[in-house]
N, C-alpha and C. Protein backbone atom coordinates (compact mmCIF):
# COMPACT_ATOMS: atom_id res chain seq x y z
N MET A 1 1.33 2.86 -39.71
CA MET A 1 0.77 4.15 -40.40
C MET A 1 1.88 5.29 -39.83
N ASN A 2 2.48 6.15 -40.58
CA ASN A 2 3.30 7.07 -39.95
C ASN A 2 2.57 8.41 -39.65
N ASN A 3 3.13 9.29 -38.98
CA ASN A 3 2.52 10.51 -38.45
C ASN A 3 1.83 11.41 -39.54
N LYS A 4 2.71 11.53 -40.57
CA LYS A 4 2.20 12.34 -41.69
C LYS A 4 0.82 11.80 -42.16
N ILE A 5 0.59 10.45 -42.41
CA ILE A 5 -0.67 9.98 -42.99
C ILE A 5 -1.74 10.09 -41.84
N ARG A 6 -1.26 9.87 -40.59
CA ARG A 6 -2.34 9.96 -39.45
C ARG A 6 -2.83 11.66 -39.54
N THR A 7 -1.93 12.44 -39.70
CA THR A 7 -2.25 13.94 -39.57
C THR A 7 -3.31 14.16 -40.99
N GLU A 8 -2.87 13.65 -42.01
CA GLU A 8 -3.64 13.90 -43.20
C GLU A 8 -5.01 13.35 -43.03
N LEU A 9 -5.18 12.14 -42.60
CA LEU A 9 -6.36 11.50 -42.48
C LEU A 9 -7.38 12.27 -41.45
N LYS A 10 -6.53 12.65 -40.22
CA LYS A 10 -7.43 13.49 -39.34
C LYS A 10 -7.88 14.69 -39.84
N ALA A 11 -7.25 15.28 -40.79
CA ALA A 11 -7.49 16.76 -41.26
C ALA A 11 -8.59 16.49 -42.25
N LYS A 12 -8.66 15.28 -43.05
CA LYS A 12 -9.69 14.97 -43.98
C LYS A 12 -11.04 14.87 -43.09
N LYS A 13 -10.94 14.01 -42.09
CA LYS A 13 -12.07 13.68 -41.14
C LYS A 13 -12.76 15.03 -40.60
N GLN A 14 -11.79 15.85 -40.19
CA GLN A 14 -12.28 17.00 -39.42
C GLN A 14 -12.94 17.91 -40.56
N ALA A 15 -12.48 17.98 -41.82
CA ALA A 15 -13.06 18.74 -42.75
C ALA A 15 -14.39 18.35 -43.23
N TYR A 16 -14.49 16.90 -43.20
CA TYR A 16 -15.72 16.24 -43.60
C TYR A 16 -16.83 16.59 -42.53
N VAL A 17 -16.44 16.52 -41.23
CA VAL A 17 -17.40 16.68 -40.28
C VAL A 17 -17.90 18.25 -40.32
N ARG A 18 -16.77 19.31 -40.59
CA ARG A 18 -17.22 20.51 -40.54
C ARG A 18 -18.13 20.75 -41.72
N ASP A 19 -17.98 20.21 -42.86
CA ASP A 19 -18.92 20.31 -44.03
C ASP A 19 -20.18 19.80 -43.87
N GLU A 20 -20.37 18.66 -42.93
CA GLU A 20 -21.68 18.03 -42.62
C GLU A 20 -22.30 19.10 -41.71
N ILE A 21 -21.72 19.56 -40.63
CA ILE A 21 -22.23 20.42 -39.74
C ILE A 21 -22.83 21.82 -40.48
N ILE A 22 -21.98 22.35 -41.36
CA ILE A 22 -22.38 23.54 -42.18
C ILE A 22 -23.64 23.24 -43.06
N ALA A 23 -23.65 22.07 -43.71
CA ALA A 23 -24.79 21.70 -44.48
C ALA A 23 -26.12 21.60 -43.75
N ALA A 24 -25.95 20.88 -42.64
CA ALA A 24 -27.14 20.64 -41.95
C ALA A 24 -27.59 21.90 -41.36
N ALA A 25 -26.75 22.79 -40.87
CA ALA A 25 -27.21 24.01 -40.32
C ALA A 25 -27.76 24.94 -41.31
N ALA A 26 -27.25 24.93 -42.60
CA ALA A 26 -27.95 25.79 -43.60
C ALA A 26 -29.27 25.30 -43.85
N LYS A 27 -29.44 24.04 -43.91
CA LYS A 27 -30.76 23.58 -44.14
C LYS A 27 -31.67 23.93 -43.04
N LEU A 28 -31.37 23.68 -41.85
CA LEU A 28 -32.26 24.23 -40.78
C LEU A 28 -32.55 25.61 -40.60
N PHE A 29 -31.39 26.47 -40.85
CA PHE A 29 -31.64 27.91 -40.80
C PHE A 29 -32.56 28.41 -41.90
N ALA A 30 -32.39 27.81 -43.11
CA ALA A 30 -33.32 28.16 -44.25
C ALA A 30 -34.75 27.83 -43.94
N GLU A 31 -34.87 26.62 -43.46
CA GLU A 31 -36.25 26.18 -42.95
C GLU A 31 -37.01 26.93 -41.86
N ARG A 32 -36.41 27.17 -40.72
CA ARG A 32 -36.82 27.65 -39.50
C ARG A 32 -36.37 29.08 -39.36
N GLY A 33 -35.38 29.64 -39.74
CA GLY A 33 -34.78 30.87 -39.33
C GLY A 33 -33.75 30.59 -38.37
N ILE A 34 -32.73 31.50 -38.55
CA ILE A 34 -31.54 31.32 -37.70
C ILE A 34 -31.79 31.43 -36.15
N ARG A 35 -32.75 32.28 -35.73
CA ARG A 35 -32.92 32.30 -34.30
C ARG A 35 -33.71 31.09 -33.86
N ALA A 36 -34.46 30.37 -34.44
CA ALA A 36 -35.27 29.46 -34.00
C ALA A 36 -34.45 28.02 -33.92
N VAL A 37 -33.11 28.02 -34.50
CA VAL A 37 -32.36 26.94 -34.48
C VAL A 37 -31.24 27.00 -33.40
N THR A 38 -31.11 25.75 -32.59
CA THR A 38 -30.06 25.82 -31.54
C THR A 38 -28.90 24.97 -32.08
N ILE A 39 -27.79 24.98 -31.32
CA ILE A 39 -26.69 23.97 -31.47
C ILE A 39 -27.21 22.65 -31.25
N ASP A 40 -28.12 22.44 -30.39
CA ASP A 40 -28.75 21.13 -30.12
C ASP A 40 -29.41 20.57 -31.31
N ASP A 41 -30.12 21.45 -32.09
CA ASP A 41 -30.87 21.18 -33.29
C ASP A 41 -30.01 20.68 -34.36
N ILE A 42 -28.83 21.36 -34.49
CA ILE A 42 -27.82 21.16 -35.60
C ILE A 42 -27.37 19.78 -35.29
N ALA A 43 -26.86 19.53 -33.91
CA ALA A 43 -26.44 18.26 -33.69
C ALA A 43 -27.43 17.07 -33.90
N SER A 44 -28.62 17.18 -33.46
CA SER A 44 -29.63 16.20 -33.55
C SER A 44 -29.83 15.89 -35.02
N GLU A 45 -29.72 16.85 -35.82
CA GLU A 45 -29.90 16.56 -37.40
C GLU A 45 -28.98 15.55 -37.78
N LEU A 46 -27.70 15.64 -37.30
CA LEU A 46 -26.86 14.83 -37.76
C LEU A 46 -26.63 13.52 -36.99
N GLY A 47 -27.35 13.42 -35.78
CA GLY A 47 -27.04 12.50 -34.92
C GLY A 47 -25.90 12.38 -34.11
N TYR A 48 -25.40 13.69 -33.95
CA TYR A 48 -24.35 13.95 -33.06
C TYR A 48 -24.79 14.49 -31.66
N THR A 49 -23.77 14.57 -30.79
CA THR A 49 -24.06 15.24 -29.55
C THR A 49 -23.55 16.80 -29.89
N LYS A 50 -24.12 17.58 -28.98
CA LYS A 50 -23.68 18.98 -29.20
C LYS A 50 -22.40 19.32 -28.93
N SER A 51 -21.76 18.43 -28.27
CA SER A 51 -20.07 18.57 -28.01
C SER A 51 -19.43 18.49 -29.21
N VAL A 52 -19.99 17.65 -30.06
CA VAL A 52 -19.26 17.46 -31.31
C VAL A 52 -19.36 18.81 -32.17
N VAL A 53 -20.33 19.45 -32.18
CA VAL A 53 -20.54 20.79 -32.97
C VAL A 53 -19.62 21.84 -32.26
N TYR A 54 -19.62 21.81 -30.88
CA TYR A 54 -18.82 22.84 -30.24
C TYR A 54 -17.43 22.58 -30.45
N TYR A 55 -16.95 21.43 -30.66
CA TYR A 55 -15.51 21.11 -30.96
C TYR A 55 -14.90 21.94 -32.30
N TYR A 56 -16.02 22.12 -33.22
CA TYR A 56 -15.63 22.67 -34.39
C TYR A 56 -16.02 24.17 -34.34
N PHE A 57 -17.04 24.55 -33.80
CA PHE A 57 -17.64 25.83 -33.75
C PHE A 57 -17.87 26.45 -32.29
N LYS A 58 -17.20 27.56 -32.01
CA LYS A 58 -17.49 28.10 -30.57
C LYS A 58 -18.95 28.49 -30.25
N ASN A 59 -19.73 28.87 -31.25
CA ASN A 59 -21.07 29.31 -31.17
C ASN A 59 -21.75 29.21 -32.42
N LYS A 60 -23.06 29.62 -32.38
CA LYS A 60 -23.90 29.51 -33.54
C LYS A 60 -23.56 30.55 -34.52
N ASN A 61 -22.98 31.77 -34.08
CA ASN A 61 -22.43 32.82 -34.94
C ASN A 61 -21.55 32.37 -35.85
N GLN A 62 -20.56 31.65 -35.30
CA GLN A 62 -19.36 31.11 -36.20
C GLN A 62 -19.94 30.10 -37.25
N VAL A 63 -20.86 29.48 -36.95
CA VAL A 63 -21.69 28.49 -38.02
C VAL A 63 -22.15 29.46 -39.07
N VAL A 64 -22.87 30.34 -38.74
CA VAL A 64 -23.63 31.31 -39.71
C VAL A 64 -22.57 32.09 -40.46
N TRP A 65 -21.68 32.47 -39.78
CA TRP A 65 -20.43 33.20 -40.54
C TRP A 65 -19.89 32.40 -41.58
N GLU A 66 -19.58 31.13 -41.24
CA GLU A 66 -18.88 30.19 -42.15
C GLU A 66 -19.82 30.06 -43.36
N ILE A 67 -21.14 30.02 -43.16
CA ILE A 67 -21.94 29.93 -44.36
C ILE A 67 -21.77 31.05 -45.13
N PHE A 68 -21.93 32.32 -44.67
CA PHE A 68 -21.62 33.52 -45.47
C PHE A 68 -20.38 33.52 -46.28
N ASN A 69 -19.18 33.11 -45.45
CA ASN A 69 -17.87 33.13 -46.11
C ASN A 69 -17.88 32.05 -47.22
N ARG A 70 -18.44 30.97 -47.12
CA ARG A 70 -18.32 30.05 -48.08
C ARG A 70 -19.14 30.30 -49.35
N ILE A 71 -20.28 30.82 -49.22
CA ILE A 71 -21.04 31.29 -50.37
C ILE A 71 -20.31 32.39 -51.10
N HIS A 72 -19.95 33.20 -50.32
CA HIS A 72 -19.23 34.52 -51.00
C HIS A 72 -17.91 33.86 -51.78
N ALA A 73 -17.14 33.16 -51.19
CA ALA A 73 -16.01 32.27 -51.92
C ALA A 73 -16.29 31.71 -53.15
N ALA A 74 -17.52 30.98 -53.09
CA ALA A 74 -17.95 30.14 -54.29
C ALA A 74 -18.36 30.96 -55.30
N TRP A 75 -19.11 31.93 -55.02
CA TRP A 75 -19.79 32.94 -56.03
C TRP A 75 -18.50 33.81 -56.58
N SER A 76 -17.60 34.34 -55.71
CA SER A 76 -16.41 35.15 -56.13
C SER A 76 -15.60 34.39 -57.14
N GLN A 77 -15.35 33.14 -56.78
CA GLN A 77 -14.56 32.24 -57.61
C GLN A 77 -15.10 32.03 -59.01
N ASP A 78 -16.32 31.78 -59.07
CA ASP A 78 -16.97 31.48 -60.34
C ASP A 78 -16.97 32.88 -61.15
N THR A 79 -17.39 34.00 -60.58
CA THR A 79 -17.34 35.16 -61.24
C THR A 79 -15.90 35.57 -61.69
N THR A 80 -14.85 35.40 -61.08
CA THR A 80 -13.53 35.63 -61.37
C THR A 80 -13.13 34.75 -62.74
N ALA A 81 -13.52 33.36 -62.63
CA ALA A 81 -13.18 32.47 -63.76
C ALA A 81 -13.82 33.12 -65.05
N ILE A 82 -14.89 33.60 -64.79
CA ILE A 82 -15.64 34.15 -66.21
C ILE A 82 -15.07 35.37 -66.77
N ILE A 83 -14.71 36.29 -65.72
CA ILE A 83 -14.29 37.71 -66.02
C ILE A 83 -12.80 37.53 -66.66
N GLU A 84 -12.19 36.66 -66.22
CA GLU A 84 -10.72 36.44 -66.71
C GLU A 84 -10.55 35.82 -68.10
N GLN A 85 -11.56 35.41 -68.70
CA GLN A 85 -11.73 34.87 -69.94
C GLN A 85 -11.59 35.98 -70.86
N ASP A 86 -11.06 35.88 -72.02
CA ASP A 86 -10.83 36.85 -73.19
C ASP A 86 -11.94 36.77 -74.05
N ILE A 87 -13.15 37.32 -73.57
CA ILE A 87 -14.46 37.16 -74.38
C ILE A 87 -14.98 38.57 -74.31
N PRO A 88 -15.92 38.93 -75.45
CA PRO A 88 -16.48 40.33 -75.36
C PRO A 88 -17.56 40.41 -74.34
N PRO A 89 -18.03 41.64 -73.83
CA PRO A 89 -19.07 41.81 -72.89
C PRO A 89 -20.27 41.27 -73.28
N GLU A 90 -20.80 41.17 -74.60
CA GLU A 90 -21.92 40.60 -74.96
C GLU A 90 -21.82 39.03 -74.85
N ALA A 91 -20.76 38.44 -74.63
CA ALA A 91 -20.72 36.97 -74.34
C ALA A 91 -20.50 36.76 -72.86
N MET A 92 -19.69 37.63 -72.25
CA MET A 92 -19.49 37.58 -70.72
C MET A 92 -20.62 37.74 -69.84
N LEU A 93 -21.44 38.80 -70.23
CA LEU A 93 -22.68 39.15 -69.25
C LEU A 93 -23.49 37.90 -69.22
N PRO A 94 -23.88 37.20 -70.42
CA PRO A 94 -24.78 36.09 -70.25
C PRO A 94 -24.04 34.79 -69.48
N ALA A 95 -22.81 34.74 -69.63
CA ALA A 95 -22.31 33.83 -68.92
C ALA A 95 -22.10 34.04 -67.43
N LEU A 96 -22.16 35.32 -66.91
CA LEU A 96 -22.21 35.70 -65.50
C LEU A 96 -23.70 35.47 -65.05
N ILE A 97 -24.64 35.95 -65.82
CA ILE A 97 -26.04 35.59 -65.51
C ILE A 97 -26.40 34.23 -65.20
N ARG A 98 -25.82 33.41 -66.30
CA ARG A 98 -26.13 31.85 -66.17
C ARG A 98 -25.59 31.24 -64.87
N ARG A 99 -24.30 31.62 -64.65
CA ARG A 99 -23.64 31.19 -63.59
C ARG A 99 -24.13 31.56 -62.12
N HIS A 100 -24.68 32.81 -62.15
CA HIS A 100 -25.39 33.36 -60.92
C HIS A 100 -26.68 32.61 -60.56
N ALA A 101 -27.47 32.41 -61.77
CA ALA A 101 -28.57 31.68 -61.51
C ALA A 101 -28.53 30.34 -61.12
N LEU A 102 -27.47 29.64 -61.52
CA LEU A 102 -27.27 28.18 -61.35
C LEU A 102 -26.68 28.20 -59.87
N ASN A 103 -25.95 29.17 -59.37
CA ASN A 103 -25.50 29.14 -58.06
C ASN A 103 -26.69 29.21 -56.96
N VAL A 104 -27.54 30.16 -57.47
CA VAL A 104 -28.84 30.18 -56.54
C VAL A 104 -29.55 28.92 -56.50
N MET A 105 -29.63 28.34 -57.48
CA MET A 105 -30.48 27.07 -57.61
C MET A 105 -29.75 25.80 -57.05
N GLU A 106 -28.33 25.95 -57.05
CA GLU A 106 -27.63 24.79 -56.55
C GLU A 106 -27.41 24.91 -55.02
N ARG A 107 -27.77 26.08 -54.43
CA ARG A 107 -27.46 26.54 -53.07
C ARG A 107 -28.74 27.23 -52.48
N THR A 108 -29.82 26.78 -52.76
CA THR A 108 -31.02 27.49 -52.33
C THR A 108 -31.03 27.94 -50.92
N ALA A 109 -30.88 26.96 -50.17
CA ALA A 109 -30.76 27.12 -48.58
C ALA A 109 -29.80 28.29 -48.31
N TRP A 110 -28.53 28.13 -48.85
CA TRP A 110 -27.47 29.14 -48.59
C TRP A 110 -27.83 30.54 -48.99
N THR A 111 -28.39 30.57 -50.14
CA THR A 111 -28.93 31.82 -50.79
C THR A 111 -30.05 32.53 -50.04
N ALA A 112 -30.93 31.64 -49.37
CA ALA A 112 -31.99 32.29 -48.62
C ALA A 112 -31.18 32.93 -47.37
N ILE A 113 -30.32 32.18 -46.79
CA ILE A 113 -29.82 32.76 -45.67
C ILE A 113 -28.80 33.99 -46.07
N TYR A 114 -28.22 33.94 -47.11
CA TYR A 114 -27.31 34.97 -47.46
C TYR A 114 -28.03 36.36 -47.65
N PHE A 115 -29.18 36.24 -48.33
CA PHE A 115 -29.82 37.51 -48.69
C PHE A 115 -31.07 37.98 -47.79
N ARG A 116 -31.31 36.94 -46.80
CA ARG A 116 -32.42 37.11 -45.82
C ARG A 116 -31.88 37.43 -44.35
N ASP A 117 -30.80 36.86 -43.92
CA ASP A 117 -30.43 36.89 -42.62
C ASP A 117 -29.16 37.55 -42.28
N GLN A 118 -28.87 38.51 -43.05
CA GLN A 118 -27.54 39.29 -42.80
C GLN A 118 -27.75 40.06 -41.51
N SER A 119 -29.07 40.44 -41.05
CA SER A 119 -29.17 41.06 -39.91
C SER A 119 -28.82 40.28 -38.62
N GLU A 120 -28.63 39.07 -38.77
CA GLU A 120 -28.33 38.16 -37.69
C GLU A 120 -26.75 38.12 -37.28
N LEU A 121 -26.03 38.69 -38.26
CA LEU A 121 -24.63 38.84 -37.96
C LEU A 121 -24.18 39.98 -37.12
N THR A 122 -23.02 40.01 -36.77
CA THR A 122 -22.53 40.94 -35.82
C THR A 122 -22.38 42.30 -36.94
N ALA A 123 -22.17 43.43 -36.20
CA ALA A 123 -22.11 44.77 -36.96
C ALA A 123 -20.97 44.63 -38.05
N ALA A 124 -19.80 44.17 -37.45
CA ALA A 124 -18.66 44.19 -38.07
C ALA A 124 -18.73 43.09 -39.36
N GLN A 125 -19.35 41.99 -39.00
CA GLN A 125 -19.65 40.98 -40.17
C GLN A 125 -20.55 41.57 -41.20
N GLN A 126 -21.60 42.25 -40.80
CA GLN A 126 -22.49 42.70 -41.77
C GLN A 126 -21.88 44.00 -42.63
N LYS A 127 -20.94 44.60 -42.10
CA LYS A 127 -20.08 45.54 -42.96
C LYS A 127 -19.41 44.71 -44.02
N VAL A 128 -18.69 43.68 -43.46
CA VAL A 128 -17.92 42.83 -44.44
C VAL A 128 -18.93 42.42 -45.59
N VAL A 129 -19.95 42.02 -45.23
CA VAL A 129 -21.03 41.25 -46.39
C VAL A 129 -21.43 42.61 -47.24
N ARG A 130 -21.66 43.64 -46.60
CA ARG A 130 -21.99 44.69 -47.62
C ARG A 130 -21.00 45.04 -48.45
N ASP A 131 -19.80 45.16 -48.15
CA ASP A 131 -18.72 45.35 -48.82
C ASP A 131 -18.40 44.39 -50.10
N ARG A 132 -18.68 43.15 -49.54
CA ARG A 132 -18.31 42.03 -50.59
C ARG A 132 -19.55 42.19 -51.72
N LYS A 133 -20.81 42.32 -51.32
CA LYS A 133 -21.92 42.47 -52.27
C LYS A 133 -21.58 43.66 -53.17
N ARG A 134 -21.26 44.83 -52.63
CA ARG A 134 -20.83 45.87 -53.44
C ARG A 134 -19.71 45.61 -54.48
N GLN A 135 -18.75 44.89 -54.07
CA GLN A 135 -17.56 44.47 -54.96
C GLN A 135 -18.14 43.64 -55.93
N TYR A 136 -18.99 42.63 -55.58
CA TYR A 136 -19.65 41.80 -56.56
C TYR A 136 -20.31 42.55 -57.71
N ASP A 137 -21.29 43.58 -57.28
CA ASP A 137 -22.25 44.18 -58.23
C ASP A 137 -21.09 45.03 -58.96
N GLU A 138 -19.90 45.66 -58.45
CA GLU A 138 -19.15 46.40 -59.31
C GLU A 138 -18.47 45.78 -60.38
N ARG A 139 -18.10 44.32 -60.16
CA ARG A 139 -17.57 43.57 -61.18
C ARG A 139 -18.48 43.34 -62.40
N LEU A 140 -19.85 43.13 -62.17
CA LEU A 140 -20.94 43.10 -63.18
C LEU A 140 -21.14 44.33 -63.83
N LYS A 141 -21.09 45.54 -63.13
CA LYS A 141 -21.24 46.85 -63.70
C LYS A 141 -20.10 47.19 -64.70
N GLU A 142 -18.91 46.72 -64.26
CA GLU A 142 -17.93 46.92 -65.11
C GLU A 142 -18.04 46.42 -66.46
N VAL A 143 -18.56 45.14 -66.51
CA VAL A 143 -18.82 44.36 -67.72
C VAL A 143 -19.93 44.98 -68.58
N TYR A 144 -20.86 45.48 -67.82
CA TYR A 144 -21.92 46.11 -68.67
C TYR A 144 -21.52 47.59 -69.18
N GLN A 145 -20.93 48.25 -68.39
CA GLN A 145 -20.22 49.58 -68.88
C GLN A 145 -19.48 49.43 -70.06
N ARG A 146 -18.56 48.33 -70.08
CA ARG A 146 -17.71 48.03 -71.28
C ARG A 146 -18.68 47.82 -72.30
N GLY A 147 -19.67 47.10 -72.35
CA GLY A 147 -20.55 46.72 -73.40
C GLY A 147 -21.24 47.88 -73.94
N ALA A 148 -21.77 48.79 -72.92
CA ALA A 148 -22.42 50.20 -73.26
C ALA A 148 -21.44 51.11 -73.90
N ALA A 149 -20.22 51.16 -73.52
CA ALA A 149 -19.33 51.89 -74.25
C ALA A 149 -18.99 51.49 -75.53
N ALA A 150 -19.06 50.17 -75.84
CA ALA A 150 -18.89 49.61 -77.15
C ALA A 150 -20.08 49.73 -78.02
N GLY A 151 -21.23 50.00 -77.49
CA GLY A 151 -22.34 50.27 -78.28
C GLY A 151 -23.37 49.00 -78.34
N VAL A 152 -22.90 47.81 -77.69
CA VAL A 152 -23.55 46.68 -77.81
C VAL A 152 -24.72 46.43 -76.64
N PHE A 153 -24.58 47.17 -75.73
CA PHE A 153 -25.61 47.35 -74.68
C PHE A 153 -26.28 48.62 -74.79
N ARG A 154 -27.50 48.62 -74.33
CA ARG A 154 -28.39 49.78 -73.99
C ARG A 154 -27.64 50.83 -73.18
N ASP A 155 -27.91 52.19 -73.42
CA ASP A 155 -27.30 53.19 -72.60
C ASP A 155 -28.28 53.33 -71.34
N ILE A 156 -28.32 52.35 -70.54
CA ILE A 156 -29.10 52.41 -69.23
C ILE A 156 -28.08 52.33 -68.07
N PRO A 157 -28.34 53.13 -66.86
CA PRO A 157 -27.32 53.19 -65.79
C PRO A 157 -27.08 51.74 -65.53
N ALA A 158 -25.72 51.43 -65.41
CA ALA A 158 -25.20 50.01 -65.16
C ALA A 158 -25.80 49.54 -63.73
N ASN A 159 -25.81 50.48 -62.70
CA ASN A 159 -26.38 50.09 -61.48
C ASN A 159 -27.59 49.46 -61.61
N LEU A 160 -28.54 50.17 -62.23
CA LEU A 160 -29.99 49.71 -62.46
C LEU A 160 -30.06 48.36 -63.04
N MET A 161 -29.34 48.24 -64.32
CA MET A 161 -29.33 46.82 -64.86
C MET A 161 -28.87 45.75 -64.14
N VAL A 162 -27.74 46.09 -63.57
CA VAL A 162 -26.98 44.94 -62.62
C VAL A 162 -28.02 44.63 -61.52
N SER A 163 -28.66 45.53 -60.85
CA SER A 163 -29.59 45.29 -59.69
C SER A 163 -30.81 44.51 -60.19
N SER A 164 -31.29 44.82 -61.29
CA SER A 164 -32.36 44.07 -61.99
C SER A 164 -31.92 42.59 -62.25
N ILE A 165 -30.72 42.33 -62.79
CA ILE A 165 -30.18 41.06 -63.13
C ILE A 165 -29.97 40.29 -61.85
N ILE A 166 -29.44 40.76 -60.95
CA ILE A 166 -29.13 39.93 -59.60
C ILE A 166 -30.53 39.86 -58.88
N GLY A 167 -31.42 40.84 -58.87
CA GLY A 167 -32.63 40.60 -58.10
C GLY A 167 -33.47 39.57 -58.88
N VAL A 168 -33.61 39.43 -60.03
CA VAL A 168 -34.28 38.38 -60.69
C VAL A 168 -33.71 36.91 -60.53
N CYS A 169 -32.38 36.80 -60.46
CA CYS A 169 -31.67 35.50 -60.17
C CYS A 169 -31.93 35.12 -58.78
N ASN A 170 -31.80 36.14 -57.85
CA ASN A 170 -31.66 35.83 -56.46
C ASN A 170 -33.11 35.41 -55.87
N MET A 171 -34.18 35.89 -56.62
CA MET A 171 -35.55 35.40 -56.11
C MET A 171 -35.82 34.13 -56.41
N THR A 172 -35.05 33.48 -57.31
CA THR A 172 -35.40 32.04 -57.64
C THR A 172 -35.38 31.11 -56.41
N HIS A 173 -34.61 31.41 -55.48
CA HIS A 173 -34.66 30.52 -54.28
C HIS A 173 -35.81 30.44 -53.63
N MET A 174 -36.75 31.23 -53.76
CA MET A 174 -38.22 31.33 -53.24
C MET A 174 -39.09 30.25 -53.71
N TRP A 175 -38.84 30.04 -54.97
CA TRP A 175 -39.78 29.15 -55.67
C TRP A 175 -39.16 27.86 -56.23
N PHE A 176 -37.96 27.84 -56.49
CA PHE A 176 -37.19 26.77 -57.24
C PHE A 176 -37.46 25.45 -56.63
N ASN A 177 -37.91 24.50 -57.49
CA ASN A 177 -38.19 23.03 -57.02
C ASN A 177 -37.49 22.12 -57.70
N PRO A 178 -36.52 21.44 -56.98
CA PRO A 178 -35.48 20.59 -57.91
C PRO A 178 -36.22 19.49 -58.66
N SER A 179 -37.67 19.30 -58.19
CA SER A 179 -38.35 18.15 -58.76
C SER A 179 -39.33 18.85 -59.86
N GLY A 180 -39.27 20.08 -60.11
CA GLY A 180 -40.00 20.65 -61.13
C GLY A 180 -39.71 20.40 -62.54
N ARG A 181 -40.66 20.92 -63.44
CA ARG A 181 -40.68 20.45 -64.89
C ARG A 181 -39.28 21.04 -65.45
N MET A 182 -38.83 22.05 -65.00
CA MET A 182 -37.57 22.73 -65.72
C MET A 182 -36.46 22.41 -64.89
N THR A 183 -35.13 22.03 -65.67
CA THR A 183 -34.00 21.90 -64.86
C THR A 183 -33.26 23.21 -64.62
N PRO A 184 -32.33 23.37 -63.76
CA PRO A 184 -31.71 24.48 -63.38
C PRO A 184 -31.11 25.08 -64.62
N ALA A 185 -30.53 24.19 -65.39
CA ALA A 185 -29.88 24.82 -66.70
C ALA A 185 -30.96 25.43 -67.58
N GLU A 186 -32.06 24.80 -67.79
CA GLU A 186 -33.22 25.48 -68.53
C GLU A 186 -33.68 26.78 -67.94
N ILE A 187 -33.85 26.80 -66.65
CA ILE A 187 -34.22 28.11 -66.02
C ILE A 187 -33.09 29.08 -66.22
N ALA A 188 -31.91 28.70 -66.06
CA ALA A 188 -30.82 29.73 -66.25
C ALA A 188 -30.84 30.17 -67.58
N GLU A 189 -30.97 29.42 -68.62
CA GLU A 189 -30.92 29.77 -70.10
C GLU A 189 -32.23 30.75 -70.28
N HIS A 190 -33.23 30.48 -69.66
CA HIS A 190 -34.50 31.41 -69.89
C HIS A 190 -34.16 32.78 -69.28
N TYR A 191 -33.36 32.71 -68.24
CA TYR A 191 -33.00 34.06 -67.65
C TYR A 191 -32.07 34.77 -68.51
N VAL A 192 -31.06 34.17 -69.13
CA VAL A 192 -30.25 34.78 -70.11
C VAL A 192 -30.93 35.29 -71.23
N THR A 193 -32.03 34.56 -71.78
CA THR A 193 -32.64 35.25 -72.91
C THR A 193 -33.35 36.33 -72.56
N ILE A 194 -34.29 36.29 -71.40
CA ILE A 194 -35.04 37.46 -70.89
C ILE A 194 -34.17 38.65 -70.71
N LEU A 195 -33.14 38.47 -69.93
CA LEU A 195 -32.30 39.49 -69.38
C LEU A 195 -31.51 40.16 -70.38
N MET A 196 -30.96 39.26 -71.24
CA MET A 196 -30.18 39.93 -72.36
C MET A 196 -31.00 40.59 -73.35
N GLN A 197 -32.19 40.39 -73.66
CA GLN A 197 -32.99 41.18 -74.39
C GLN A 197 -33.21 42.52 -73.94
N GLY A 198 -33.15 42.75 -72.64
CA GLY A 198 -33.11 44.03 -72.05
C GLY A 198 -31.92 44.77 -72.09
N CYS A 199 -30.83 43.87 -72.30
CA CYS A 199 -29.49 44.44 -72.26
C CYS A 199 -29.09 44.88 -73.54
N LEU A 200 -29.32 44.07 -74.70
CA LEU A 200 -28.63 44.21 -75.93
C LEU A 200 -29.19 45.50 -76.67
N ASN A 201 -28.42 46.35 -77.27
CA ASN A 201 -28.72 47.44 -78.01
C ASN A 201 -29.05 47.23 -79.44
N THR A 202 -30.30 46.67 -79.61
CA THR A 202 -30.73 46.14 -81.00
C THR A 202 -30.58 47.23 -82.08
N SER A 203 -30.71 48.51 -81.64
CA SER A 203 -30.69 49.63 -82.79
C SER A 203 -29.24 49.71 -83.37
N ALA A 204 -28.18 49.17 -82.60
CA ALA A 204 -26.77 49.29 -83.19
C ALA A 204 -26.46 48.11 -84.09
N ARG A 205 -27.36 47.20 -84.30
CA ARG A 205 -27.15 46.13 -85.26
C ARG A 205 -27.28 46.47 -86.62
N PRO A 206 -26.48 45.93 -87.61
CA PRO A 206 -26.60 46.32 -88.95
C PRO A 206 -27.90 45.78 -89.41
C-alpha cells in the first residue's frame, strides 16, 4: 500500500470518527442540554475513551461550534440550490418552505441546539450565528419581496411573513415524532399549503 492510499484511508477514518462524535454529541446536547454533558459522556456514548474525543476536539465548545457550522452549511447549501433555479417567486417560496421544514425534521436534535443553545457559544461565535441567521432571513425576504412586487404575494411586510414561516417550521423539532402518523414529506406539504395560503394574493387572480 503506497503512502497516498494510506493518507486517504487515514483521512476517511478520521472524518468518520469526527462525524460519529458530532452525531453523538448532538443527540446528548439535545436531550440533556449542553451544560449537563461532558466530554466523558460523549466518549461513553460511543464506547470511546475521552482521549479519542480530545484528539479531534480541544474542548466541548469546539464540538458545539462544529454542530452550528454544519447545520448552517447544510441549510445554506439547500437554500442556495433553490434560489439559483430559474423559477418564479410563487414556485420558489414553497420550495424553500418545504426544504426548511424537512431540514428541521431530518435534524431535530441539531435544530434544537441551533435555536435553543446559542447562548452557550462565545460572544464572537454568537455574533457569527446572528449574522448567518440574518443573512438566511434576508434571502427569503428577497424572494417574498419579488413576489409582492409582481403582485402574486400579499402586500405584507416581508420580515413579518418570513419570521412567521421560519417560526412555524422551526417549532416542529419540539413535537415531531419519526414514528408518527405523518411522514416528514407530508408535514412539509401541509406547511406549504397553510403558509402559502397566507402569502398568495388571491385578489390578483383573474
